[in-house]
Amino acid sequence: MIIRDDEYLDFSKVPESLGIPPFLYRVVAIGLLIIFAIGASVCLLSGYGHHWPSDTTIRVPLNNPAP
């Protein structure tokens, strides 16, 4: 039985990758900036609504009296 060569897959020629697209670097950089901006805002706003120092927290009413 004679089998023609065009019936087999040719693995000798592998396509070459174009690499990482340039816009992907920008997307990653913007994403990292957003992550650090959110982290900074969490750290800066973490004291909002808290009573510090602890010696004044004793005087804060813990219940909301009905009007």
PDB file of N, CA and C in Angstrom:
ATOM      1  N   MET A   1       0.831  -1.161   0.000  1.00  0.00           N
ATOM      2  CA  MET A   1       0.000   0.000   0.000  1.00  0.00           C
ATOM      3  C   MET A   1       0.890   1.243   0.000  1.00  0.00           C
ATOM      4  N   ILE A   2       0.651   2.131  -0.885  1.00  0.00           N
ATOM      5  CA  ILE A   2       1.439   3.351  -1.007  1.00  0.00           C
ATOM      6  C   ILE A   2       0.640   4.502  -0.400  1.00  0.00           C
ATOM      7  N   ILE A   3       1.280   5.197   0.550  1.00  0.00           N
ATOM      8  CA  ILE A   3       0.622   6.319   1.224  1.00  0.00           C
ATOM      9  C   ILE A   3       1.306   7.597   0.783  1.00  0.00           C
ATOM     10  N   ARG A   4       0.506   8.556   0.361  1.00  0.00           N
ATOM     11  CA  ARG A   4       1.071   9.818  -0.106  1.00  0.00           C
ATOM     12  C   ARG A   4       1.525  10.651   1.088  1.00  0.00           C
ATOM     13  N   ASP A   5       2.514  11.519   0.859  1.00  0.00           N
ATOM     14  CA  ASP A   5       3.054  12.360   1.925  1.00  0.00           C
ATOM     15  C   ASP A   5       2.073  13.444   2.379  1.00  0.00           C
ATOM     16  N   ASP A   6       1.157  13.869   1.537  1.00  0.00           N
ATOM     17  CA  ASP A   6       0.247  14.946   1.912  1.00  0.00           C
ATOM     18  C   ASP A   6      -0.851  14.480   2.875  1.00  0.00           C
ATOM     19  N   GLU A   7      -0.914  13.194   3.145  1.00  0.00           N
ATOM     20  CA  GLU A   7      -1.891  12.693   4.108  1.00  0.00           C
ATOM     21  C   GLU A   7      -1.380  12.775   5.547  1.00  0.00           C
ATOM     22  N   TYR A   8      -0.112  13.026   5.731  1.00  0.00           N
ATOM     23  CA  TYR A   8       0.480  13.142   7.059  1.00  0.00           C
ATOM     24  C   TYR A   8       0.627  14.612   7.430  1.00  0.00           C
ATOM     25  N   LEU A   9       0.546  14.899   8.728  1.00  0.00           N
ATOM     26  CA  LEU A   9       0.786  16.253   9.200  1.00  0.00           C
ATOM     27  C   LEU A   9       2.276  16.538   9.184  1.00  0.00           C
ATOM     28  N   ASP A  10       2.638  17.718   8.753  1.00  0.00           N
ATOM     29  CA  ASP A  10       4.042  18.109   8.681  1.00  0.00           C
ATOM     30  C   ASP A  10       4.383  18.922   9.928  1.00  0.00           C
ATOM     31  N   PHE A  11       5.114  18.294  10.852  1.00  0.00           N
ATOM     32  CA  PHE A  11       5.507  18.968  12.081  1.00  0.00           C
ATOM     33  C   PHE A  11       6.896  19.577  11.987  1.00  0.00           C
ATOM     34  N   SER A  12       7.475  19.622  10.830  1.00  0.00           N
ATOM     35  CA  SER A  12       8.816  20.187  10.701  1.00  0.00           C
ATOM     36  C   SER A  12       8.783  21.712  10.673  1.00  0.00           C
ATOM     37  N   LYS A  13       7.630  22.294  10.345  1.00  0.00           N
ATOM     38  CA  LYS A  13       7.520  23.751  10.292  1.00  0.00           C
ATOM     39  C   LYS A  13       6.543  24.198  11.383  1.00  0.00           C
ATOM     40  N   VAL A  14       7.091  24.747  12.459  1.00  0.00           N
ATOM     41  CA  VAL A  14       6.292  25.220  13.573  1.00  0.00           C
ATOM     42  C   VAL A  14       6.143  26.733  13.435  1.00  0.00           C
ATOM     43  N   PRO A  15       4.932  27.262  13.540  1.00  0.00           N
ATOM     44  CA  PRO A  15       4.775  28.708  13.421  1.00  0.00           C
ATOM     45  C   PRO A  15       5.462  29.444  14.570  1.00  0.00           C
ATOM     46  N   GLU A  16       6.017  30.600  14.265  1.00  0.00           N
ATOM     47  CA  GLU A  16       6.738  31.378  15.257  1.00  0.00           C
ATOM     48  C   GLU A  16       5.777  32.362  15.927  1.00  0.00           C
ATOM     49  N   SER A  17       5.878  32.462  17.238  1.00  0.00           N
ATOM     50  CA  SER A  17       5.010  33.355  17.995  1.00  0.00           C
ATOM     51  C   SER A  17       5.429  34.802  17.781  1.00  0.00           C
ATOM     52  N   LEU A  18       4.466  35.688  17.806  1.00  0.00           N
ATOM     53  CA  LEU A  18       4.764  37.112  17.679  1.00  0.00           C
ATOM     54  C   LEU A  18       5.143  37.728  19.020  1.00  0.00           C
ATOM     55  N   GLY A  19       4.991  36.978  20.082  1.00  0.00           N
ATOM     56  CA  GLY A  19       5.361  37.480  21.402  1.00  0.00           C
ATOM     57  C   GLY A  19       4.192  38.170  22.081  1.00  0.00           C
ATOM     58  N   ILE A  20       4.524  38.898  23.136  1.00  0.00           N
ATOM     59  CA  ILE A  20       3.503  39.603  23.910  1.00  0.00           C
ATOM     60  C   ILE A  20       3.184  40.917  23.207  1.00  0.00           C
ATOM     61  N   PRO A  21       1.908  41.203  22.988  1.00  0.00           N
ATOM     62  CA  PRO A  21       1.550  42.467  22.334  1.00  0.00           C
ATOM     63  C   PRO A  21       1.955  43.671  23.192  1.00  0.00           C
ATOM     64  N   PRO A  22       2.369  44.757  22.579  1.00  0.00           N
ATOM     65  CA  PRO A  22       2.836  45.930  23.349  1.00  0.00           C
ATOM     66  C   PRO A  22       1.753  46.531  24.245  1.00  0.00           C
ATOM     67  N   PHE A  23       0.500  46.499  23.820  1.00  0.00           N
ATOM     68  CA  PHE A  23      -0.544  47.096  24.651  1.00  0.00           C
ATOM     69  C   PHE A  23      -0.754  46.322  25.949  1.00  0.00           C
ATOM     70  N   LEU A  24      -0.351  45.052  25.985  1.00  0.00           N
ATOM     71  CA  LEU A  24      -0.524  44.258  27.197  1.00  0.00           C
ATOM     72  C   LEU A  24       0.352  44.779  28.328  1.00  0.00           C
ATOM     73  N   TYR A  25       1.542  45.303  27.993  1.00  0.00           N
ATOM     74  CA  TYR A  25       2.399  45.897  29.017  1.00  0.00           C
ATOM     75  C   TYR A  25       1.717  47.121  29.635  1.00  0.00           C
ATOM     76  N   ARG A  26       1.039  47.906  28.821  1.00  0.00           N
ATOM     77  CA  ARG A  26       0.336  49.083  29.328  1.00  0.00           C
ATOM     78  C   ARG A  26      -0.830  48.668  30.226  1.00  0.00           C
ATOM     79  N   VAL A  27      -1.552  47.637  29.817  1.00  0.00           N
ATOM     80  CA  VAL A  27      -2.685  47.165  30.614  1.00  0.00           C
ATOM     81  C   VAL A  27      -2.199  46.653  31.973  1.00  0.00           C
ATOM     82  N   VAL A  28      -1.105  45.927  31.990  1.00  0.00           N
ATOM     83  CA  VAL A  28      -0.552  45.408  33.246  1.00  0.00           C
ATOM     84  C   VAL A  28      -0.074  46.556  34.125  1.00  0.00           C
ATOM     85  N   ALA A  29       0.587  47.548  33.539  1.00  0.00           N
ATOM     86  CA  ALA A  29       1.076  48.695  34.317  1.00  0.00           C
ATOM     87  C   ALA A  29      -0.089  49.474  34.911  1.00  0.00           C
ATOM     88  N   ILE A  30      -1.133  49.705  34.136  1.00  0.00           N
ATOM     89  CA  ILE A  30      -2.297  50.426  34.648  1.00  0.00           C
ATOM     90  C   ILE A  30      -2.979  49.606  35.748  1.00  0.00           C
ATOM     91  N   GLY A  31      -3.067  48.302  35.568  1.00  0.00           N
ATOM     92  CA  GLY A  31      -3.655  47.438  36.586  1.00  0.00           C
ATOM     93  C   GLY A  31      -2.879  47.491  37.898  1.00  0.00           C
ATOM     94  N   LEU A  32      -1.551  47.476  37.815  1.00  0.00           N
ATOM     95  CA  LEU A  32      -0.738  47.565  39.036  1.00  0.00           C
ATOM     96  C   LEU A  32      -0.916  48.914  39.713  1.00  0.00           C
ATOM     97  N   LEU A  33      -0.996  49.985  38.934  1.00  0.00           N
ATOM     98  CA  LEU A  33      -1.231  51.304  39.519  1.00  0.00           C
ATOM     99  C   LEU A  33      -2.575  51.356  40.232  1.00  0.00           C
ATOM    100  N   ILE A  34      -3.587  50.755  39.645  1.00  0.00           N
ATOM    101  CA  ILE A  34      -4.905  50.734  40.277  1.00  0.00           C
ATOM    102  C   ILE A  34      -4.868  49.923  41.571  1.00  0.00           C
ATOM    103  N   ILE A  35      -4.176  48.799  41.554  1.00  0.00           N
ATOM    104  CA  ILE A  35      -4.067  47.970  42.762  1.00  0.00           C
ATOM    105  C   ILE A  35      -3.404  48.749  43.892  1.00  0.00           C
ATOM    106  N   PHE A  36      -2.300  49.449  43.593  1.00  0.00           N
ATOM    107  CA  PHE A  36      -1.606  50.216  44.628  1.00  0.00           C
ATOM    108  C   PHE A  36      -2.420  51.435  45.055  1.00  0.00           C
ATOM    109  N   ALA A  37      -3.179  52.032  44.147  1.00  0.00           N
ATOM    110  CA  ALA A  37      -4.030  53.166  44.508  1.00  0.00           C
ATOM    111  C   ALA A  37      -5.142  52.726  45.454  1.00  0.00           C
ATOM    112  N   ILE A  38      -5.745  51.588  45.195  1.00  0.00           N
ATOM    113  CA  ILE A  38      -6.786  51.077  46.088  1.00  0.00           C
ATOM    114  C   ILE A  38      -6.183  50.725  47.448  1.00  0.00           C
ATOM    115  N   GLY A  39      -5.020  50.109  47.463  1.00  0.00           N
ATOM    116  CA  GLY A  39      -4.353  49.789  48.728  1.00  0.00           C
ATOM    117  C   GLY A  39      -4.010  51.038  49.524  1.00  0.00           C
ATOM    118  N   ALA A  40      -3.539  52.082  48.832  1.00  0.00           N
ATOM    119  CA  ALA A  40      -3.218  53.340  49.520  1.00  0.00           C
ATOM    120  C   ALA A  40      -4.473  53.984  50.069  1.00  0.00           C
ATOM    121  N   SER A  41      -5.560  53.957  49.316  1.00  0.00           N
ATOM    122  CA  SER A  41      -6.795  54.564  49.805  1.00  0.00           C
ATOM    123  C   SER A  41      -7.333  53.802  51.013  1.00  0.00           C
ATOM    124  N   VAL A  42      -7.204  52.490  51.015  1.00  0.00           N
ATOM    125  CA  VAL A  42      -7.640  51.698  52.174  1.00  0.00           C
ATOM    126  C   VAL A  42      -6.816  52.062  53.400  1.00  0.00           C
ATOM    127  N   CYS A  43      -5.513  52.196  53.222  1.00  0.00           N
ATOM    128  CA  CYS A  43      -4.653  52.550  54.360  1.00  0.00           C
ATOM    129  C   CYS A  43      -4.939  53.962  54.856  1.00  0.00           C
ATOM    130  N   LEU A  44      -5.158  54.905  53.938  1.00  0.00           N
ATOM    131  CA  LEU A  44      -5.385  56.288  54.342  1.00  0.00           C
ATOM    132  C   LEU A  44      -6.759  56.487  54.972  1.00  0.00           C
ATOM    133  N   LEU A  45      -7.749  55.735  54.539  1.00  0.00           N
ATOM    134  CA  LEU A  45      -9.105  55.908  55.048  1.00  0.00           C
ATOM    135  C   LEU A  45      -9.461  54.921  56.160  1.00  0.00           C
ATOM    136  N   SER A  46      -8.510  54.142  56.619  1.00  0.00           N
ATOM    137  CA  SER A  46      -8.822  53.116  57.614  1.00  0.00           C
ATOM    138  C   SER A  46      -9.203  53.709  58.969  1.00  0.00           C
ATOM    139  N   GLY A  47      -8.795  54.926  59.251  1.00  0.00           N
ATOM    140  CA  GLY A  47      -9.136  55.540  60.525  1.00  0.00           C
ATOM    141  C   GLY A  47     -10.475  56.239  60.518  1.00  0.00           C
ATOM    142  N   TYR A  48     -11.128  56.351  59.378  1.00  0.00           N
ATOM    143  CA  TYR A  48     -12.399  57.063  59.298  1.00  0.00           C
ATOM    144  C   TYR A  48     -13.479  56.305  60.063  1.00  0.00           C
ATOM    145  N   GLY A  49     -14.132  57.005  60.980  1.00  0.00           N
ATOM    146  CA  GLY A  49     -15.196  56.391  61.770  1.00  0.00           C
ATOM    147  C   GLY A  49     -14.703  55.689  63.020  1.00  0.00           C
ATOM    148  N   HIS A  50     -13.420  55.684  63.260  1.00  0.00           N
ATOM    149  CA  HIS A  50     -12.878  55.057  64.463  1.00  0.00           C
ATOM    150  C   HIS A  50     -12.489  56.152  65.456  1.00  0.00           C
ATOM    151  N   HIS A  51     -12.590  55.858  66.722  1.00  0.00           N
ATOM    152  CA  HIS A  51     -12.253  56.816  67.761  1.00  0.00           C
ATOM    153  C   HIS A  51     -10.904  56.431  68.368  1.00  0.00           C
ATOM    154  N   TRP A  52      -9.912  57.269  68.139  1.00  0.00           N
ATOM    155  CA  TRP A  52      -8.589  57.034  68.687  1.00  0.00           C
ATOM    156  C   TRP A  52      -8.178  58.283  69.438  1.00  0.00           C
ATOM    157  N   PRO A  53      -7.483  58.254  70.472  1.00  0.00           N
ATOM    158  CA  PRO A  53      -6.905  57.104  71.163  1.00  0.00           C
ATOM    159  C   PRO A  53      -7.948  56.342  71.972  1.00  0.00           C
ATOM    160  N   SER A  54      -7.538  55.241  72.527  1.00  0.00           N
ATOM    161  CA  SER A  54      -8.495  54.329  73.150  1.00  0.00           C
ATOM    162  C   SER A  54      -9.101  54.879  74.434  1.00  0.00           C
ATOM    163  N   ASP A  55      -8.480  55.891  75.055  1.00  0.00           N
ATOM    164  CA  ASP A  55      -9.055  56.402  76.300  1.00  0.00           C
ATOM    165  C   ASP A  55     -10.343  57.187  76.039  1.00  0.00           C
ATOM    166  N   THR A  56     -10.567  57.635  74.826  1.00  0.00           N
ATOM    167  CA  THR A  56     -11.815  58.343  74.517  1.00  0.00           C
ATOM    168  C   THR A  56     -12.903  57.395  74.049  1.00  0.00           C
ATOM    169  N   THR A  57     -12.578  56.164  73.771  1.00  0.00           N
ATOM    170  CA  THR A  57     -13.590  55.244  73.269  1.00  0.00           C
ATOM    171  C   THR A  57     -14.560  54.807  74.360  1.00  0.00           C
ATOM    172  N   ILE A  58     -14.200  54.972  75.604  1.00  0.00           N
ATOM    173  CA  ILE A  58     -15.090  54.598  76.691  1.00  0.00           C
ATOM    174  C   ILE A  58     -16.319  55.510  76.689  1.00  0.00           C
ATOM    175  N   ARG A  59     -16.141  56.755  76.261  1.00  0.00           N
ATOM    176  CA  ARG A  59     -17.214  57.734  76.321  1.00  0.00           C
ATOM    177  C   ARG A  59     -18.120  57.702  75.077  1.00  0.00           C
ATOM    178  N   VAL A  60     -17.861  56.846  74.142  1.00  0.00           N
ATOM    179  CA  VAL A  60     -18.666  56.780  72.927  1.00  0.00           C
ATOM    180  C   VAL A  60     -19.868  55.896  73.181  1.00  0.00           C
ATOM    181  N   PRO A  61     -21.104  56.411  72.964  1.00  0.00           N
ATOM    182  CA  PRO A  61     -22.276  55.551  73.171  1.00  0.00           C
ATOM    183  C   PRO A  61     -22.326  54.456  72.102  1.00  0.00           C
ATOM    184  N   LEU A  62     -22.579  53.242  72.541  1.00  0.00           N
ATOM    185  CA  LEU A  62     -22.596  52.108  71.625  1.00  0.00           C
ATOM    186  C   LEU A  62     -23.983  51.806  71.095  1.00  0.00           C
ATOM    187  N   ASN A  63     -25.018  52.387  71.693  1.00  0.00           N
ATOM    188  CA  ASN A  63     -26.362  52.158  71.187  1.00  0.00           C
ATOM    189  C   ASN A  63     -26.924  53.460  70.625  1.00  0.00           C
ATOM    190  N   ASN A  64     -27.869  53.356  69.723  1.00  0.00           N
ATOM    191  CA  ASN A  64     -28.510  54.530  69.159  1.00  0.00           C
ATOM    192  C   ASN A  64     -29.856  54.709  69.839  1.00  0.00           C
ATOM    193  N   PRO A  65     -29.977  55.709  70.702  1.00  0.00           N
ATOM    194  CA  PRO A  65     -31.266  55.902  71.377  1.00  0.00           C
ATOM    195  C   PRO A  65     -32.320  56.367  70.384  1.00  0.00           C
ATOM    196  N   ALA A  66     -33.524  55.859  70.543  1.00  0.00           N
ATOM    197  CA  ALA A  66     -34.624  56.228  69.647  1.00  0.00           C
ATOM    198  C   ALA A  66     -35.028  57.657  69.931  1.00  0.00           C
ATOM    199  N   PRO A  67     -35.322  58.461  68.897  1.00  0.00           N
ATOM    200  CA  PRO A  67     -35.703  59.864  69.128  1.00  0.00           C
ATOM    201  C   PRO A  67     -37.094  60.009  69.700  1.00  0.00           C
TER     202      PRO A  67
END
